[in-house]
Amino acid sequence: MKILLCAAALTMSAAAIAQTDAPAQAPERDARGIPVVSTPATAPGGANQPFSVPPGAQVVLSPNQQQVFTPQPAQGEMPPCTREVTDRCTQTYERSRTRAPRS
């Protein structure tokens, strides 16, 4: 009886693996149903420069590597987000939102 239960458990687990679907090519959707299509991420210029280290040497990176990763200020006013524009945009509820003073 134990062998029969073990065989049934193995059979059921194999069936679940065979029923998985391939990922769809459709874009993901956010909570409101708007398709989210993002541009591929790229590293900033100068970030992935290879360097060779001889055996036994200390690794000292270039001090101007941190300049690549310094935050950049916003470049002008961003357009409002819509169904078509989902990247580099401002949510309309964030535009004039200010914090109320706490008492």
PDB file of N, CA and C in Angstrom:
ATOM      1  N   MET A   1       0.821  -1.195   0.000  1.00  0.00           N
ATOM      2  CA  MET A   1       0.000   0.000   0.000  1.00  0.00           C
ATOM      3  C   MET A   1       0.870   1.265   0.000  1.00  0.00           C
ATOM      4  N   LYS A   2       1.979   1.217   0.768  1.00  0.00           N
ATOM      5  CA  LYS A   2       2.865   2.377   0.816  1.00  0.00           C
ATOM      6  C   LYS A   2       3.485   2.647  -0.552  1.00  0.00           C
ATOM      7  N   ILE A   3       3.837   1.590  -1.258  1.00  0.00           N
ATOM      8  CA  ILE A   3       4.430   1.760  -2.585  1.00  0.00           C
ATOM      9  C   ILE A   3       3.420   2.386  -3.531  1.00  0.00           C
ATOM     10  N   LEU A   4       2.173   1.998  -3.421  1.00  0.00           N
ATOM     11  CA  LEU A   4       1.125   2.558  -4.272  1.00  0.00           C
ATOM     12  C   LEU A   4       0.946   4.052  -4.006  1.00  0.00           C
ATOM     13  N   LEU A   5       0.979   4.461  -2.725  1.00  0.00           N
ATOM     14  CA  LEU A   5       0.853   5.880  -2.390  1.00  0.00           C
ATOM     15  C   LEU A   5       2.057   6.678  -2.896  1.00  0.00           C
ATOM     16  N   CYS A   6       3.250   6.118  -2.774  1.00  0.00           N
ATOM     17  CA  CYS A   6       4.446   6.809  -3.278  1.00  0.00           C
ATOM     18  C   CYS A   6       4.391   6.945  -4.794  1.00  0.00           C
ATOM     19  N   ALA A   7       3.948   5.912  -5.480  1.00  0.00           N
ATOM     20  CA  ALA A   7       3.838   5.970  -6.936  1.00  0.00           C
ATOM     21  C   ALA A   7       2.791   6.997  -7.361  1.00  0.00           C
ATOM     22  N   ALA A   8       1.690   7.072  -6.633  1.00  0.00           N
ATOM     23  CA  ALA A   8       0.649   8.055  -6.954  1.00  0.00           C
ATOM     24  C   ALA A   8       1.167   9.475  -6.731  1.00  0.00           C
ATOM     25  N   ALA A   9       1.926   9.685  -5.661  1.00  0.00           N
ATOM     26  CA  ALA A   9       2.478  11.014  -5.388  1.00  0.00           C
ATOM     27  C   ALA A   9       3.462  11.425  -6.480  1.00  0.00           C
ATOM     28  N   LEU A  10       4.296  10.517  -6.934  1.00  0.00           N
ATOM     29  CA  LEU A  10       5.236  10.825  -8.009  1.00  0.00           C
ATOM     30  C   LEU A  10       4.514  11.101  -9.321  1.00  0.00           C
ATOM     31  N   THR A  11       3.458  10.375  -9.574  1.00  0.00           N
ATOM     32  CA  THR A  11       2.693  10.588 -10.804  1.00  0.00           C
ATOM     33  C   THR A  11       2.037  11.961 -10.799  1.00  0.00           C
ATOM     34  N   MET A  12       1.476  12.362  -9.672  1.00  0.00           N
ATOM     35  CA  MET A  12       0.817  13.669  -9.580  1.00  0.00           C
ATOM     36  C   MET A  12       1.831  14.806  -9.713  1.00  0.00           C
ATOM     37  N   SER A  13       3.009  14.656  -9.141  1.00  0.00           N
ATOM     38  CA  SER A  13       3.995  15.731  -9.234  1.00  0.00           C
ATOM     39  C   SER A  13       4.528  15.863 -10.657  1.00  0.00           C
ATOM     40  N   ALA A  14       4.657  14.777 -11.375  1.00  0.00           N
ATOM     41  CA  ALA A  14       5.122  14.838 -12.760  1.00  0.00           C
ATOM     42  C   ALA A  14       4.080  15.497 -13.655  1.00  0.00           C
ATOM     43  N   ALA A  15       2.807  15.311 -13.371  1.00  0.00           N
ATOM     44  CA  ALA A  15       1.759  15.920 -14.190  1.00  0.00           C
ATOM     45  C   ALA A  15       1.758  17.434 -14.023  1.00  0.00           C
ATOM     46  N   ALA A  16       2.057  17.921 -12.832  1.00  0.00           N
ATOM     47  CA  ALA A  16       2.058  19.364 -12.604  1.00  0.00           C
ATOM     48  C   ALA A  16       3.202  20.032 -13.364  1.00  0.00           C
ATOM     49  N   ILE A  17       4.327  19.381 -13.477  1.00  0.00           N
ATOM     50  CA  ILE A  17       5.457  19.949 -14.210  1.00  0.00           C
ATOM     51  C   ILE A  17       5.127  20.053 -15.692  1.00  0.00           C
ATOM     52  N   ALA A  18       4.429  19.078 -16.216  1.00  0.00           N
ATOM     53  CA  ALA A  18       4.108  19.071 -17.641  1.00  0.00           C
ATOM     54  C   ALA A  18       3.063  20.115 -18.004  1.00  0.00           C
ATOM     55  N   GLN A  19       2.350  20.668 -17.033  1.00  0.00           N
ATOM     56  CA  GLN A  19       1.271  21.598 -17.320  1.00  0.00           C
ATOM     57  C   GLN A  19       1.696  23.061 -17.253  1.00  0.00           C
ATOM     58  N   THR A  20       2.967  23.344 -17.096  1.00  0.00           N
ATOM     59  CA  THR A  20       3.392  24.741 -17.040  1.00  0.00           C
ATOM     60  C   THR A  20       3.357  25.355 -18.428  1.00  0.00           C
ATOM     61  N   ASP A  21       3.010  26.620 -18.501  1.00  0.00           N
ATOM     62  CA  ASP A  21       2.920  27.324 -19.769  1.00  0.00           C
ATOM     63  C   ASP A  21       4.191  28.123 -20.013  1.00  0.00           C
ATOM     64  N   ALA A  22       4.478  28.342 -21.269  1.00  0.00           N
ATOM     65  CA  ALA A  22       5.603  29.195 -21.635  1.00  0.00           C
ATOM     66  C   ALA A  22       5.240  30.648 -21.348  1.00  0.00           C
ATOM     67  N   PRO A  23       6.206  31.505 -21.038  1.00  0.00           N
ATOM     68  CA  PRO A  23       5.883  32.908 -20.766  1.00  0.00           C
ATOM     69  C   PRO A  23       5.317  33.593 -22.002  1.00  0.00           C
ATOM     70  N   ALA A  24       4.361  34.449 -21.779  1.00  0.00           N
ATOM     71  CA  ALA A  24       3.719  35.159 -22.882  1.00  0.00           C
ATOM     72  C   ALA A  24       4.589  36.334 -23.323  1.00  0.00           C
ATOM     73  N   GLN A  25       4.441  36.750 -24.550  1.00  0.00           N
ATOM     74  CA  GLN A  25       5.182  37.885 -25.078  1.00  0.00           C
ATOM     75  C   GLN A  25       4.425  39.193 -24.874  1.00  0.00           C
ATOM     76  N   ALA A  26       3.250  39.121 -24.269  1.00  0.00           N
ATOM     77  CA  ALA A  26       2.459  40.325 -24.031  1.00  0.00           C
ATOM     78  C   ALA A  26       3.117  41.150 -22.928  1.00  0.00           C
ATOM     79  N   PRO A  27       3.014  42.480 -22.994  1.00  0.00           N
ATOM     80  CA  PRO A  27       3.616  43.303 -21.940  1.00  0.00           C
ATOM     81  C   PRO A  27       2.878  43.130 -20.616  1.00  0.00           C
ATOM     82  N   GLU A  28       3.596  43.344 -19.533  1.00  0.00           N
ATOM     83  CA  GLU A  28       2.974  43.275 -18.218  1.00  0.00           C
ATOM     84  C   GLU A  28       2.016  44.438 -18.056  1.00  0.00           C
ATOM     85  N   ARG A  29       1.076  44.295 -17.135  1.00  0.00           N
ATOM     86  CA  ARG A  29       0.107  45.358 -16.888  1.00  0.00           C
ATOM     87  C   ARG A  29       0.189  45.762 -15.422  1.00  0.00           C
ATOM     88  N   ASP A  30       0.011  47.063 -15.172  1.00  0.00           N
ATOM     89  CA  ASP A  30       0.041  47.531 -13.794  1.00  0.00           C
ATOM     90  C   ASP A  30      -1.329  47.319 -13.156  1.00  0.00           C
ATOM     91  N   ALA A  31      -1.525  47.840 -11.950  1.00  0.00           N
ATOM     92  CA  ALA A  31      -2.762  47.614 -11.207  1.00  0.00           C
ATOM     93  C   ALA A  31      -3.986  48.192 -11.907  1.00  0.00           C
ATOM     94  N   ARG A  32      -3.795  49.216 -12.746  1.00  0.00           N
ATOM     95  CA  ARG A  32      -4.929  49.826 -13.445  1.00  0.00           C
ATOM     96  C   ARG A  32      -5.174  49.206 -14.810  1.00  0.00           C
ATOM     97  N   GLY A  33      -4.380  48.221 -15.201  1.00  0.00           N
ATOM     98  CA  GLY A  33      -4.563  47.570 -16.481  1.00  0.00           C
ATOM     99  C   GLY A  33      -3.814  48.215 -17.621  1.00  0.00           C
ATOM    100  N   ILE A  34      -2.950  49.179 -17.329  1.00  0.00           N
ATOM    101  CA  ILE A  34      -2.186  49.861 -18.368  1.00  0.00           C
ATOM    102  C   ILE A  34      -0.957  49.020 -18.695  1.00  0.00           C
ATOM    103  N   PRO A  35      -0.703  48.737 -19.990  1.00  0.00           N
ATOM    104  CA  PRO A  35       0.489  47.953 -20.314  1.00  0.00           C
ATOM    105  C   PRO A  35       1.768  48.709 -19.954  1.00  0.00           C
ATOM    106  N   VAL A  36       2.688  48.012 -19.313  1.00  0.00           N
ATOM    107  CA  VAL A  36       3.952  48.605 -18.883  1.00  0.00           C
ATOM    108  C   VAL A  36       5.048  48.083 -19.806  1.00  0.00           C
ATOM    109  N   VAL A  37       5.573  48.953 -20.629  1.00  0.00           N
ATOM    110  CA  VAL A  37       6.660  48.601 -21.537  1.00  0.00           C
ATOM    111  C   VAL A  37       7.824  49.514 -21.192  1.00  0.00           C
ATOM    112  N   SER A  38       8.845  48.963 -20.579  1.00  0.00           N
ATOM    113  CA  SER A  38       9.992  49.756 -20.147  1.00  0.00           C
ATOM    114  C   SER A  38      11.151  49.557 -21.111  1.00  0.00           C
ATOM    115  N   THR A  39      11.971  50.571 -21.199  1.00  0.00           N
ATOM    116  CA  THR A  39      13.165  50.456 -22.022  1.00  0.00           C
ATOM    117  C   THR A  39      14.202  49.621 -21.277  1.00  0.00           C
ATOM    118  N   PRO A  40      15.047  48.896 -21.989  1.00  0.00           N
ATOM    119  CA  PRO A  40      16.057  48.093 -21.317  1.00  0.00           C
ATOM    120  C   PRO A  40      17.045  48.971 -20.547  1.00  0.00           C
ATOM    121  N   ALA A  41      17.464  48.486 -19.402  1.00  0.00           N
ATOM    122  CA  ALA A  41      18.395  49.242 -18.567  1.00  0.00           C
ATOM    123  C   ALA A  41      19.802  49.164 -19.149  1.00  0.00           C
ATOM    124  N   THR A  42      20.522  50.259 -19.070  1.00  0.00           N
ATOM    125  CA  THR A  42      21.916  50.294 -19.509  1.00  0.00           C
ATOM    126  C   THR A  42      22.751  50.973 -18.430  1.00  0.00           C
ATOM    127  N   ALA A  43      23.986  50.540 -18.320  1.00  0.00           N
ATOM    128  CA  ALA A  43      24.895  51.150 -17.349  1.00  0.00           C
ATOM    129  C   ALA A  43      25.394  52.477 -17.897  1.00  0.00           C
ATOM    130  N   PRO A  44      25.663  53.456 -17.022  1.00  0.00           N
ATOM    131  CA  PRO A  44      26.190  54.733 -17.499  1.00  0.00           C
ATOM    132  C   PRO A  44      27.574  54.556 -18.119  1.00  0.00           C
ATOM    133  N   GLY A  45      27.911  55.451 -19.031  1.00  0.00           N
ATOM    134  CA  GLY A  45      29.200  55.380 -19.704  1.00  0.00           C
ATOM    135  C   GLY A  45      30.352  55.476 -18.724  1.00  0.00           C
ATOM    136  N   GLY A  46      31.316  54.596 -18.845  1.00  0.00           N
ATOM    137  CA  GLY A  46      32.469  54.591 -17.962  1.00  0.00           C
ATOM    138  C   GLY A  46      32.304  53.696 -16.756  1.00  0.00           C
ATOM    139  N   ALA A  47      31.135  53.070 -16.589  1.00  0.00           N
ATOM    140  CA  ALA A  47      30.899  52.257 -15.402  1.00  0.00           C
ATOM    141  C   ALA A  47      31.484  50.860 -15.535  1.00  0.00           C
ATOM    142  N   ASN A  48      31.494  50.308 -16.708  1.00  0.00           N
ATOM    143  CA  ASN A  48      31.933  48.926 -16.892  1.00  0.00           C
ATOM    144  C   ASN A  48      33.272  48.839 -17.608  1.00  0.00           C
ATOM    145  N   GLN A  49      34.224  49.645 -17.204  1.00  0.00           N
ATOM    146  CA  GLN A  49      35.531  49.600 -17.840  1.00  0.00           C
ATOM    147  C   GLN A  49      36.349  48.464 -17.232  1.00  0.00           C
ATOM    148  N   PRO A  50      36.825  47.543 -18.072  1.00  0.00           N
ATOM    149  CA  PRO A  50      37.602  46.424 -17.533  1.00  0.00           C
ATOM    150  C   PRO A  50      38.999  46.877 -17.103  1.00  0.00           C
ATOM    151  N   PHE A  51      39.548  46.182 -16.154  1.00  0.00           N
ATOM    152  CA  PHE A  51      40.913  46.468 -15.725  1.00  0.00           C
ATOM    153  C   PHE A  51      41.592  45.134 -15.433  1.00  0.00           C
ATOM    154  N   SER A  52      42.878  45.078 -15.619  1.00  0.00           N
ATOM    155  CA  SER A  52      43.629  43.848 -15.354  1.00  0.00           C
ATOM    156  C   SER A  52      44.515  44.069 -14.134  1.00  0.00           C
ATOM    157  N   VAL A  53      44.561  43.063 -13.292  1.00  0.00           N
ATOM    158  CA  VAL A  53      45.349  43.135 -12.062  1.00  0.00           C
ATOM    159  C   VAL A  53      46.391  42.027 -12.109  1.00  0.00           C
ATOM    160  N   PRO A  54      47.665  42.373 -12.034  1.00  0.00           N
ATOM    161  CA  PRO A  54      48.681  41.314 -11.984  1.00  0.00           C
ATOM    162  C   PRO A  54      48.586  40.557 -10.659  1.00  0.00           C
ATOM    163  N   PRO A  55      48.998  39.304 -10.644  1.00  0.00           N
ATOM    164  CA  PRO A  55      48.916  38.521  -9.405  1.00  0.00           C
ATOM    165  C   PRO A  55      49.708  39.169  -8.271  1.00  0.00           C
ATOM    166  N   GLY A  56      49.109  39.242  -7.108  1.00  0.00           N
ATOM    167  CA  GLY A  56      49.762  39.793  -5.927  1.00  0.00           C
ATOM    168  C   GLY A  56      49.652  41.293  -5.781  1.00  0.00           C
ATOM    169  N   ALA A  57      49.019  41.972  -6.708  1.00  0.00           N
ATOM    170  CA  ALA A  57      48.903  43.431  -6.642  1.00  0.00           C
ATOM    171  C   ALA A  57      47.621  43.832  -5.918  1.00  0.00           C
ATOM    172  N   GLN A  58      47.611  45.043  -5.386  1.00  0.00           N
ATOM    173  CA  GLN A  58      46.411  45.570  -4.750  1.00  0.00           C
ATOM    174  C   GLN A  58      45.508  46.182  -5.814  1.00  0.00           C
ATOM    175  N   VAL A  59      44.211  46.038  -5.613  1.00  0.00           N
ATOM    176  CA  VAL A  59      43.248  46.599  -6.557  1.00  0.00           C
ATOM    177  C   VAL A  59      42.863  47.994  -6.077  1.00  0.00           C
ATOM    178  N   VAL A  60      43.165  48.999  -6.879  1.00  0.00           N
ATOM    179  CA  VAL A  60      42.789  50.374  -6.579  1.00  0.00           C
ATOM    180  C   VAL A  60      42.049  50.905  -7.800  1.00  0.00           C
ATOM    181  N   LEU A  61      40.772  51.150  -7.640  1.00  0.00           N
ATOM    182  CA  LEU A  61      39.978  51.643  -8.757  1.00  0.00           C
ATOM    183  C   LEU A  61      40.205  53.132  -8.958  1.00  0.00           C
ATOM    184  N   SER A  62      39.890  53.585 -10.121  1.00  0.00           N
ATOM    185  CA  SER A  62      40.040  54.990 -10.458  1.00  0.00           C
ATOM    186  C   SER A  62      39.121  55.838  -9.576  1.00  0.00           C
ATOM    187  N   PRO A  63      39.608  56.949  -9.011  1.00  0.00           N
ATOM    188  CA  PRO A  63      38.755  57.760  -8.144  1.00  0.00           C
ATOM    189  C   PRO A  63      37.601  58.422  -8.892  1.00  0.00           C
ATOM    190  N   ASN A  64      37.702  58.589 -10.197  1.00  0.00           N
ATOM    191  CA  ASN A  64      36.598  59.222 -10.906  1.00  0.00           C
ATOM    192  C   ASN A  64      35.509  58.224 -11.287  1.00  0.00           C
ATOM    193  N   GLN A  65      35.571  56.979 -10.788  1.00  0.00           N
ATOM    194  CA  GLN A  65      34.469  56.035 -10.991  1.00  0.00           C
ATOM    195  C   GLN A  65      33.212  56.515 -10.271  1.00  0.00           C
ATOM    196  N   GLN A  66      33.369  57.183  -9.132  1.00  0.00           N
ATOM    197  CA  GLN A  66      32.186  57.638  -8.405  1.00  0.00           C
ATOM    198  C   GLN A  66      31.476  58.759  -9.150  1.00  0.00           C
ATOM    199  N   GLN A  67      32.161  59.472 -10.022  1.00  0.00           N
ATOM    200  CA  GLN A  67      31.507  60.528 -10.791  1.00  0.00           C
ATOM    201  C   GLN A  67      30.459  59.953 -11.732  1.00  0.00           C
ATOM    202  N   VAL A  68      30.642  58.711 -12.153  1.00  0.00           N
ATOM    203  CA  VAL A  68      29.676  58.084 -13.051  1.00  0.00           C
ATOM    204  C   VAL A  68      28.346  57.885 -12.339  1.00  0.00           C
ATOM    205  N   PHE A  69      28.383  57.617 -11.044  1.00  0.00           N
ATOM    206  CA  PHE A  69      27.176  57.262 -10.308  1.00  0.00           C
ATOM    207  C   PHE A  69      26.596  58.397  -9.473  1.00  0.00           C
ATOM    208  N   THR A  70      27.046  59.616  -9.640  1.00  0.00           N
ATOM    209  CA  THR A  70      26.465  60.721  -8.882  1.00  0.00           C
ATOM    210  C   THR A  70      25.066  61.024  -9.409  1.00  0.00           C
ATOM    211  N   PRO A  71      24.122  61.338  -8.533  1.00  0.00           N
ATOM    212  CA  PRO A  71      22.760  61.631  -8.975  1.00  0.00           C
ATOM    213  C   PRO A  71      22.714  62.870  -9.866  1.00  0.00           C
ATOM    214  N   GLN A  72      21.902  62.808 -10.876  1.00  0.00           N
ATOM    215  CA  GLN A  72      21.741  63.918 -11.808  1.00  0.00           C
ATOM    216  C   GLN A  72      20.427  64.634 -11.506  1.00  0.00           C
ATOM    217  N   PRO A  73      20.403  65.963 -11.594  1.00  0.00           N
ATOM    218  CA  PRO A  73      19.140  66.677 -11.372  1.00  0.00           C
ATOM    219  C   PRO A  73      18.177  66.438 -12.532  1.00  0.00           C
ATOM    220  N   ALA A  74      16.902  66.654 -12.271  1.00  0.00           N
ATOM    221  CA  ALA A  74      15.889  66.490 -13.312  1.00  0.00           C
ATOM    222  C   ALA A  74      16.124  67.505 -14.423  1.00  0.00           C
ATOM    223  N   GLN A  75      15.871  67.085 -15.638  1.00  0.00           N
ATOM    224  CA  GLN A  75      16.085  67.958 -16.787  1.00  0.00           C
ATOM    225  C   GLN A  75      14.745  68.519 -17.237  1.00  0.00           C
ATOM    226  N   GLY A  76      14.306  69.574 -16.587  1.00  0.00           N
ATOM    227  CA  GLY A  76      13.056  70.230 -16.976  1.00  0.00           C
ATOM    228  C   GLY A  76      11.832  69.542 -16.398  1.00  0.00           C
ATOM    229  N   GLU A  77      10.689  69.996 -16.840  1.00  0.00           N
ATOM    230  CA  GLU A  77       9.408  69.469 -16.378  1.00  0.00           C
ATOM    231  C   GLU A  77       9.085  68.175 -17.124  1.00  0.00           C
ATOM    232  N   MET A  78       8.649  67.149 -16.399  1.00  0.00           N
ATOM    233  CA  MET A  78       8.292  65.882 -17.029  1.00  0.00           C
ATOM    234  C   MET A  78       6.829  65.915 -17.450  1.00  0.00           C
ATOM    235  N   PRO A  79       6.479  65.243 -18.547  1.00  0.00           N
ATOM    236  CA  PRO A  79       5.086  65.230 -18.991  1.00  0.00           C
ATOM    237  C   PRO A  79       4.231  64.383 -18.050  1.00  0.00           C
ATOM    238  N   PRO A  80       2.918  64.596 -18.042  1.00  0.00           N
ATOM    239  CA  PRO A  80       2.065  63.757 -17.197  1.00  0.00           C
ATOM    240  C   PRO A  80       1.991  62.329 -17.747  1.00  0.00           C
ATOM    241  N   CYS A  81       1.836  61.366 -16.864  1.00  0.00           N
ATOM    242  CA  CYS A  81       1.738  59.974 -17.280  1.00  0.00           C
ATOM    243  C   CYS A  81       0.375  59.713 -17.918  1.00  0.00           C
ATOM    244  N   THR A  82       0.373  58.953 -18.989  1.00  0.00           N
ATOM    245  CA  THR A  82      -0.858  58.551 -19.672  1.00  0.00           C
ATOM    246  C   THR A  82      -0.752  57.065 -19.991  1.00  0.00           C
ATOM    247  N   ARG A  83      -1.728  56.556 -20.698  1.00  0.00           N
ATOM    248  CA  ARG A  83      -1.665  55.154 -21.112  1.00  0.00           C
ATOM    249  C   ARG A  83      -0.511  54.913 -22.074  1.00  0.00           C
ATOM    250  N   GLU A  84      -0.179  55.900 -22.877  1.00  0.00           N
ATOM    251  CA  GLU A  84       0.902  55.750 -23.841  1.00  0.00           C
ATOM    252  C   GLU A  84       2.259  56.080 -23.237  1.00  0.00           C
ATOM    253  N   VAL A  85       2.325  57.069 -22.352  1.00  0.00           N
ATOM    254  CA  VAL A  85       3.581  57.506 -21.739  1.00  0.00           C
ATOM    255  C   VAL A  85       3.625  56.974 -20.311  1.00  0.00           C
ATOM    256  N   THR A  86       4.502  55.982 -20.070  1.00  0.00           N
ATOM    257  CA  THR A  86       4.615  55.415 -18.728  1.00  0.00           C
ATOM    258  C   THR A  86       6.008  55.578 -18.139  1.00  0.00           C
ATOM    259  N   ASP A  87       6.996  55.943 -18.955  1.00  0.00           N
ATOM    260  CA  ASP A  87       8.361  56.155 -18.466  1.00  0.00           C
ATOM    261  C   ASP A  87       8.696  57.634 -18.510  1.00  0.00           C
ATOM    262  N   ARG A  88       9.513  58.074 -17.557  1.00  0.00           N
ATOM    263  CA  ARG A  88       9.955  59.471 -17.466  1.00  0.00           C
ATOM    264  C   ARG A  88       8.765  60.424 -17.498  1.00  0.00           C
ATOM    265  N   CYS A  89       7.807  60.178 -16.609  1.00  0.00           N
ATOM    266  CA  CYS A  89       6.624  61.033 -16.532  1.00  0.00           C
ATOM    267  C   CYS A  89       6.268  61.247 -15.062  1.00  0.00           C
ATOM    268  N   THR A  90       5.386  62.203 -14.810  1.00  0.00           N
ATOM    269  CA  THR A  90       4.955  62.527 -13.456  1.00  0.00           C
ATOM    270  C   THR A  90       3.498  62.126 -13.289  1.00  0.00           C
ATOM    271  N   GLN A  91       3.212  61.430 -12.207  1.00  0.00           N
ATOM    272  CA  GLN A  91       1.818  61.109 -11.912  1.00  0.00           C
ATOM    273  C   GLN A  91       1.083  62.409 -11.628  1.00  0.00           C
ATOM    274  N   THR A  92      -0.127  62.538 -12.116  1.00  0.00           N
ATOM    275  CA  THR A  92      -0.839  63.809 -11.984  1.00  0.00           C
ATOM    276  C   THR A  92      -1.160  64.136 -10.534  1.00  0.00           C
ATOM    277  N   TYR A  93      -1.310  63.136  -9.686  1.00  0.00           N
ATOM    278  CA  TYR A  93      -1.588  63.424  -8.283  1.00  0.00           C
ATOM    279  C   TYR A  93      -0.337  63.861  -7.532  1.00  0.00           C
ATOM    280  N   GLU A  94       0.854  63.751  -8.119  1.00  0.00           N
ATOM    281  CA  GLU A  94       2.093  64.153  -7.452  1.00  0.00           C
ATOM    282  C   GLU A  94       2.493  65.584  -7.754  1.00  0.00           C
ATOM    283  N   ARG A  95       1.851  66.224  -8.685  1.00  0.00           N
ATOM    284  CA  ARG A  95       2.298  67.544  -9.129  1.00  0.00           C
ATOM    285  C   ARG A  95       2.225  68.608  -8.048  1.00  0.00           C
ATOM    286  N   SER A  96       1.061  68.838  -7.499  1.00  0.00           N
ATOM    287  CA  SER A  96       0.909  69.943  -6.550  1.00  0.00           C
ATOM    288  C   SER A  96       0.745  69.443  -5.129  1.00  0.00           C
ATOM    289  N   ARG A  97       1.186  68.266  -4.873  1.00  0.00           N
ATOM    290  CA  ARG A  97       1.020  67.702  -3.542  1.00  0.00           C
ATOM    291  C   ARG A  97       2.069  68.285  -2.602  1.00  0.00           C
ATOM    292  N   THR A  98       1.619  68.858  -1.507  1.00  0.00           N
ATOM    293  CA  THR A  98       2.519  69.378  -0.483  1.00  0.00           C
ATOM    294  C   THR A  98       2.118  68.782   0.848  1.00  0.00           C
ATOM    295  N   ARG A  99       3.063  68.689   1.720  1.00  0.00           N
ATOM    296  CA  ARG A  99       2.767  68.139   3.040  1.00  0.00           C
ATOM    297  C   ARG A  99       2.106  69.191   3.910  1.00  0.00           C
ATOM    298  N   ALA A 100       1.111  68.769   4.633  1.00  0.00           N
ATOM    299  CA  ALA A 100       0.450  69.667   5.574  1.00  0.00           C
ATOM    300  C   ALA A 100       1.322  69.782   6.824  1.00  0.00           C
ATOM    301  N   PRO A 101       1.422  70.970   7.391  1.00  0.00           N
ATOM    302  CA  PRO A 101       2.231  71.112   8.606  1.00  0.00           C
ATOM    303  C   PRO A 101       1.602  70.341   9.761  1.00  0.00           C
ATOM    304  N   ARG A 102       2.451  69.678  10.514  1.00  0.00           N
ATOM    305  CA  ARG A 102       1.959  68.918  11.674  1.00  0.00           C
ATOM    306  C   ARG A 102       1.853  69.839  12.872  1.00  0.00           C
ATOM    307  N   SER A 103       0.805  69.640  13.624  1.00  0.00           N
ATOM    308  CA  SER A 103       0.655  70.476  14.813  1.00  0.00           C
ATOM    309  C   SER A 103       1.030  69.737  16.063  1.00  0.00           C
TER     310      SER A 103
END
